Amino acid sequence: MKASEVRILPALDPGDSYVEPVFLLVETTLRDDGEPLTTIEHISSDGGHGWSVKTLGHVPVTHSAACEWAVSYAASRNIPVVYERDETATTGQAAALSAGAGGNASAPVSSRAK
């Protein structure tokens, strides 16, 4: 799979259900010192019995850098979707990253603003 084929979508709200059987989740928060801390998880369905969550890392990088890495990782493992949540950005910045420059949240990464 090419990186341009991986879709980046906003993470769902707590309590909502994901429908893809396998995906990556990238979530960035601020540490107590104000620096970003990003968690990247590989999530897959356990055949209808729940979800398997493998944490790939807790890394002190920006959300955009983590998303770029996640898309590359996803493409190399044929994972079609990366969900992302950036709690460090203002509402406008987070919406722009989620929607991309063209406003299409499901657009391939190659056609979106980085």
N, C-alpha and C. Protein backbone atom coordinates (compact mmCIF):
# COMPACT_ATOMS: atom_id res chain seq x y z
N MET A 1 0.85 -1.17 0.00
CA MET A 1 0.00 0.00 0.00
C MET A 1 0.89 1.23 0.00
N LYS A 2 0.47 2.25 -0.74
CA LYS A 2 1.20 3.51 -0.78
C LYS A 2 0.71 4.42 0.34
N ALA A 3 1.59 5.28 0.82
CA ALA A 3 1.20 6.23 1.86
C ALA A 3 0.05 7.11 1.39
N SER A 4 -0.01 7.40 0.11
CA SER A 4 -1.09 8.25 -0.42
C SER A 4 -2.45 7.57 -0.34
N GLU A 5 -2.47 6.26 -0.13
CA GLU A 5 -3.73 5.52 -0.02
C GLU A 5 -4.26 5.44 1.41
N VAL A 6 -3.43 5.82 2.38
CA VAL A 6 -3.85 5.78 3.78
C VAL A 6 -4.72 7.00 4.07
N ARG A 7 -5.89 6.76 4.64
CA ARG A 7 -6.79 7.86 4.99
C ARG A 7 -6.50 8.32 6.42
N ILE A 8 -6.52 9.63 6.63
CA ILE A 8 -6.38 10.21 7.97
C ILE A 8 -7.73 10.81 8.33
N LEU A 9 -8.29 10.32 9.44
CA LEU A 9 -9.61 10.75 9.88
C LEU A 9 -9.55 11.22 11.32
N PRO A 10 -10.45 12.11 11.71
CA PRO A 10 -10.49 12.51 13.12
C PRO A 10 -10.92 11.33 13.99
N ALA A 11 -10.29 11.21 15.16
CA ALA A 11 -10.66 10.14 16.09
C ALA A 11 -12.10 10.33 16.53
N LEU A 12 -12.76 9.23 16.81
CA LEU A 12 -14.15 9.29 17.27
C LEU A 12 -14.21 9.74 18.72
N ASP A 13 -15.36 10.24 19.10
CA ASP A 13 -15.59 10.63 20.49
C ASP A 13 -15.68 9.38 21.36
N PRO A 14 -15.29 9.49 22.63
CA PRO A 14 -15.43 8.35 23.55
C PRO A 14 -16.87 7.83 23.54
N GLY A 15 -17.01 6.53 23.47
CA GLY A 15 -18.33 5.91 23.43
C GLY A 15 -18.79 5.57 22.02
N ASP A 16 -18.22 6.24 21.00
CA ASP A 16 -18.55 5.91 19.61
C ASP A 16 -17.76 4.66 19.20
N SER A 17 -18.27 3.94 18.22
CA SER A 17 -17.65 2.68 17.81
C SER A 17 -16.94 2.81 16.46
N TYR A 18 -15.73 2.30 16.41
CA TYR A 18 -14.99 2.23 15.15
C TYR A 18 -15.51 1.02 14.37
N VAL A 19 -15.51 1.12 13.04
CA VAL A 19 -15.99 0.01 12.22
C VAL A 19 -14.87 -0.68 11.45
N GLU A 20 -13.74 -0.01 11.28
CA GLU A 20 -12.63 -0.64 10.56
C GLU A 20 -12.06 -1.77 11.42
N PRO A 21 -11.70 -2.90 10.83
CA PRO A 21 -11.16 -4.01 11.62
C PRO A 21 -9.73 -3.79 12.10
N VAL A 22 -9.02 -2.85 11.48
CA VAL A 22 -7.64 -2.55 11.89
C VAL A 22 -7.33 -1.10 11.53
N PHE A 23 -6.67 -0.39 12.47
CA PHE A 23 -6.32 1.00 12.23
C PHE A 23 -5.27 1.44 13.24
N LEU A 24 -4.69 2.61 13.00
CA LEU A 24 -3.79 3.24 13.95
C LEU A 24 -4.52 4.42 14.58
N LEU A 25 -4.20 4.69 15.85
CA LEU A 25 -4.75 5.83 16.55
C LEU A 25 -3.58 6.68 17.06
N VAL A 26 -3.57 7.95 16.68
CA VAL A 26 -2.53 8.90 17.09
C VAL A 26 -3.19 9.96 17.95
N GLU A 27 -2.78 10.05 19.21
CA GLU A 27 -3.35 11.05 20.12
C GLU A 27 -2.22 11.85 20.76
N THR A 28 -2.33 13.17 20.69
CA THR A 28 -1.31 14.05 21.25
C THR A 28 -1.92 14.92 22.34
N THR A 29 -1.24 14.95 23.49
CA THR A 29 -1.63 15.79 24.61
C THR A 29 -0.42 16.63 25.02
N LEU A 30 -0.61 17.50 25.97
CA LEU A 30 0.50 18.27 26.51
C LEU A 30 0.94 17.69 27.85
N ARG A 31 2.25 17.55 28.02
CA ARG A 31 2.79 17.13 29.31
C ARG A 31 2.67 18.30 30.29
N ASP A 32 2.96 18.03 31.54
CA ASP A 32 2.91 19.08 32.57
C ASP A 32 3.84 20.25 32.25
N ASP A 33 4.94 19.97 31.53
CA ASP A 33 5.89 21.04 31.19
C ASP A 33 5.51 21.77 29.90
N GLY A 34 4.35 21.42 29.32
CA GLY A 34 3.87 22.10 28.13
C GLY A 34 4.33 21.51 26.81
N GLU A 35 5.18 20.50 26.86
CA GLU A 35 5.67 19.85 25.64
C GLU A 35 4.68 18.76 25.20
N PRO A 36 4.62 18.47 23.88
CA PRO A 36 3.68 17.45 23.41
C PRO A 36 4.14 16.04 23.77
N LEU A 37 3.16 15.18 24.00
CA LEU A 37 3.40 13.76 24.20
C LEU A 37 2.38 13.03 23.34
N THR A 38 2.87 12.23 22.40
CA THR A 38 2.00 11.55 21.46
C THR A 38 2.03 10.04 21.71
N THR A 39 0.83 9.47 21.74
CA THR A 39 0.66 8.02 21.87
C THR A 39 0.20 7.48 20.52
N ILE A 40 0.86 6.44 20.06
CA ILE A 40 0.49 5.80 18.80
C ILE A 40 0.13 4.36 19.11
N GLU A 41 -1.08 3.95 18.71
CA GLU A 41 -1.56 2.60 19.00
C GLU A 41 -2.02 1.91 17.72
N HIS A 42 -1.74 0.61 17.65
CA HIS A 42 -2.21 -0.25 16.57
C HIS A 42 -3.40 -1.02 17.14
N ILE A 43 -4.57 -0.81 16.57
CA ILE A 43 -5.79 -1.40 17.11
C ILE A 43 -6.40 -2.32 16.07
N SER A 44 -6.77 -3.53 16.51
CA SER A 44 -7.37 -4.49 15.59
C SER A 44 -8.49 -5.26 16.28
N SER A 45 -9.44 -5.69 15.47
CA SER A 45 -10.59 -6.43 15.98
C SER A 45 -10.16 -7.84 16.38
N ASP A 46 -10.73 -8.33 17.48
CA ASP A 46 -10.48 -9.71 17.92
C ASP A 46 -11.58 -10.64 17.39
N GLY A 47 -11.97 -10.47 16.14
CA GLY A 47 -12.97 -11.32 15.54
C GLY A 47 -14.34 -11.23 16.19
N GLY A 48 -14.76 -10.04 16.55
CA GLY A 48 -16.07 -9.85 17.14
C GLY A 48 -16.12 -9.97 18.64
N HIS A 49 -14.98 -10.24 19.27
CA HIS A 49 -14.92 -10.40 20.72
C HIS A 49 -14.30 -9.21 21.43
N GLY A 50 -14.08 -8.14 20.72
CA GLY A 50 -13.45 -6.97 21.33
C GLY A 50 -12.31 -6.46 20.45
N TRP A 51 -11.41 -5.70 21.07
CA TRP A 51 -10.31 -5.08 20.36
C TRP A 51 -8.99 -5.45 20.99
N SER A 52 -7.98 -5.57 20.16
CA SER A 52 -6.61 -5.76 20.60
C SER A 52 -5.88 -4.44 20.41
N VAL A 53 -5.26 -3.94 21.47
CA VAL A 53 -4.56 -2.66 21.41
C VAL A 53 -3.09 -2.87 21.71
N LYS A 54 -2.25 -2.49 20.76
CA LYS A 54 -0.81 -2.58 20.93
C LYS A 54 -0.25 -1.16 20.87
N THR A 55 0.31 -0.70 21.98
CA THR A 55 0.90 0.63 22.01
C THR A 55 2.26 0.57 21.32
N LEU A 56 2.40 1.37 20.27
CA LEU A 56 3.65 1.42 19.53
C LEU A 56 4.63 2.40 20.16
N GLY A 57 4.09 3.36 20.91
CA GLY A 57 4.99 4.27 21.60
C GLY A 57 4.29 5.46 22.21
N HIS A 58 4.94 6.01 23.23
CA HIS A 58 4.61 7.30 23.82
C HIS A 58 5.83 8.16 23.53
N VAL A 59 5.69 9.08 22.60
CA VAL A 59 6.87 9.81 22.13
C VAL A 59 6.68 11.32 22.25
N PRO A 60 7.74 12.03 22.63
CA PRO A 60 7.66 13.50 22.77
C PRO A 60 7.88 14.20 21.44
N VAL A 61 6.95 14.01 20.51
CA VAL A 61 7.04 14.65 19.19
C VAL A 61 5.75 15.40 18.91
N THR A 62 5.82 16.29 17.92
CA THR A 62 4.63 17.03 17.53
C THR A 62 3.60 16.09 16.92
N HIS A 63 2.37 16.54 16.93
CA HIS A 63 1.29 15.73 16.36
C HIS A 63 1.51 15.49 14.87
N SER A 64 1.92 16.52 14.14
CA SER A 64 2.11 16.36 12.70
C SER A 64 3.23 15.37 12.39
N ALA A 65 4.32 15.40 13.16
CA ALA A 65 5.41 14.44 12.95
C ALA A 65 4.95 13.03 13.25
N ALA A 66 4.16 12.86 14.31
CA ALA A 66 3.65 11.53 14.66
C ALA A 66 2.70 11.01 13.59
N CYS A 67 1.86 11.89 13.05
CA CYS A 67 0.94 11.47 11.99
C CYS A 67 1.69 11.05 10.73
N GLU A 68 2.73 11.80 10.41
CA GLU A 68 3.54 11.45 9.24
C GLU A 68 4.17 10.07 9.42
N TRP A 69 4.73 9.80 10.61
CA TRP A 69 5.30 8.49 10.89
C TRP A 69 4.22 7.41 10.84
N ALA A 70 3.05 7.69 11.42
CA ALA A 70 1.96 6.71 11.46
C ALA A 70 1.48 6.35 10.06
N VAL A 71 1.39 7.32 9.18
CA VAL A 71 0.97 7.03 7.81
C VAL A 71 1.98 6.12 7.12
N SER A 72 3.26 6.39 7.30
CA SER A 72 4.30 5.55 6.71
C SER A 72 4.22 4.12 7.27
N TYR A 73 4.09 4.01 8.59
CA TYR A 73 3.96 2.71 9.26
C TYR A 73 2.73 1.97 8.74
N ALA A 74 1.60 2.68 8.68
CA ALA A 74 0.35 2.06 8.22
C ALA A 74 0.49 1.55 6.79
N ALA A 75 1.07 2.34 5.92
CA ALA A 75 1.23 1.93 4.53
C ALA A 75 2.10 0.68 4.41
N SER A 76 3.14 0.61 5.22
CA SER A 76 4.06 -0.54 5.13
C SER A 76 3.42 -1.83 5.65
N ARG A 77 2.31 -1.70 6.38
CA ARG A 77 1.63 -2.87 6.94
C ARG A 77 0.20 -3.02 6.43
N ASN A 78 -0.12 -2.33 5.34
CA ASN A 78 -1.44 -2.39 4.72
C ASN A 78 -2.58 -2.05 5.67
N ILE A 79 -2.36 -1.05 6.50
CA ILE A 79 -3.40 -0.54 7.40
C ILE A 79 -3.99 0.69 6.72
N PRO A 80 -5.28 0.66 6.35
CA PRO A 80 -5.82 1.71 5.50
C PRO A 80 -6.21 3.01 6.18
N VAL A 81 -6.30 3.03 7.53
CA VAL A 81 -6.81 4.21 8.20
C VAL A 81 -5.95 4.59 9.40
N VAL A 82 -5.69 5.89 9.56
CA VAL A 82 -5.08 6.46 10.75
C VAL A 82 -6.08 7.45 11.32
N TYR A 83 -6.50 7.21 12.55
CA TYR A 83 -7.34 8.17 13.25
C TYR A 83 -6.44 9.06 14.09
N GLU A 84 -6.78 10.34 14.20
CA GLU A 84 -5.92 11.26 14.93
C GLU A 84 -6.74 12.20 15.80
N ARG A 85 -6.15 12.53 16.96
CA ARG A 85 -6.72 13.53 17.87
C ARG A 85 -5.56 14.35 18.43
N ASP A 86 -5.64 15.66 18.26
CA ASP A 86 -4.59 16.56 18.74
C ASP A 86 -5.18 17.50 19.77
N GLU A 87 -4.91 17.23 21.03
CA GLU A 87 -5.41 18.07 22.11
C GLU A 87 -4.49 19.25 22.41
N THR A 88 -3.43 19.40 21.62
CA THR A 88 -2.50 20.52 21.81
C THR A 88 -2.86 21.70 20.93
N ALA A 89 -3.65 21.48 19.91
CA ALA A 89 -3.97 22.52 18.93
C ALA A 89 -5.24 23.26 19.33
N THR A 90 -5.34 24.46 18.84
CA THR A 90 -6.60 25.18 19.01
C THR A 90 -7.64 24.50 18.14
N THR A 91 -8.88 24.76 18.37
CA THR A 91 -9.95 24.13 17.62
C THR A 91 -9.77 24.31 16.12
N GLY A 92 -9.41 25.50 15.68
CA GLY A 92 -9.25 25.76 14.26
C GLY A 92 -8.11 24.96 13.64
N GLN A 93 -7.00 24.86 14.36
CA GLN A 93 -5.86 24.09 13.84
C GLN A 93 -6.19 22.62 13.76
N ALA A 94 -6.84 22.06 14.77
CA ALA A 94 -7.19 20.64 14.76
C ALA A 94 -8.15 20.34 13.62
N ALA A 95 -9.12 21.22 13.40
CA ALA A 95 -10.07 21.00 12.32
C ALA A 95 -9.37 21.05 10.96
N ALA A 96 -8.41 21.95 10.81
CA ALA A 96 -7.68 22.05 9.55
C ALA A 96 -6.88 20.79 9.28
N LEU A 97 -6.23 20.23 10.30
CA LEU A 97 -5.47 19.01 10.10
C LEU A 97 -6.40 17.86 9.76
N SER A 98 -7.53 17.76 10.48
CA SER A 98 -8.47 16.67 10.24
C SER A 98 -9.10 16.77 8.86
N ALA A 99 -9.46 17.96 8.45
CA ALA A 99 -10.17 18.13 7.19
C ALA A 99 -9.22 18.28 6.01
N GLY A 100 -7.98 18.65 6.24
CA GLY A 100 -7.05 18.88 5.16
C GLY A 100 -7.35 20.19 4.47
N ALA A 101 -6.49 20.59 3.60
CA ALA A 101 -6.65 21.89 2.94
C ALA A 101 -7.91 21.93 2.09
N GLY A 102 -8.28 20.80 1.49
CA GLY A 102 -9.46 20.77 0.62
C GLY A 102 -10.74 20.51 1.37
N GLY A 103 -10.68 20.31 2.67
CA GLY A 103 -11.89 20.07 3.44
C GLY A 103 -12.39 18.65 3.38
N ASN A 104 -11.62 17.71 2.84
CA ASN A 104 -12.05 16.32 2.72
C ASN A 104 -11.27 15.48 3.71
N ALA A 105 -11.92 15.10 4.80
CA ALA A 105 -11.23 14.36 5.86
C ALA A 105 -10.80 12.98 5.41
N SER A 106 -11.41 12.45 4.36
CA SER A 106 -11.03 11.11 3.92
C SER A 106 -10.10 11.14 2.71
N ALA A 107 -9.61 12.31 2.36
CA ALA A 107 -8.70 12.42 1.23
C ALA A 107 -7.38 11.75 1.56
N PRO A 108 -6.74 11.13 0.58
CA PRO A 108 -5.42 10.55 0.82
C PRO A 108 -4.45 11.62 1.29
N VAL A 109 -3.46 11.20 2.06
CA VAL A 109 -2.54 12.13 2.68
C VAL A 109 -1.78 12.96 1.65
N SER A 110 -1.54 12.43 0.45
CA SER A 110 -0.77 13.17 -0.54
C SER A 110 -1.50 14.40 -1.04
N SER A 111 -2.84 14.43 -0.92
CA SER A 111 -3.57 15.59 -1.41
C SER A 111 -3.96 16.53 -0.29
N ARG A 112 -3.45 16.30 0.90
CA ARG A 112 -3.81 17.10 2.06
C ARG A 112 -2.66 17.97 2.49
N ALA A 113 -3.00 19.05 3.16
CA ALA A 113 -1.96 19.93 3.73
C ALA A 113 -1.27 19.22 4.86
N LYS A 114 0.02 19.46 5.00
CA LYS A 114 0.77 18.83 6.10
C LYS A 114 1.15 19.86 7.10
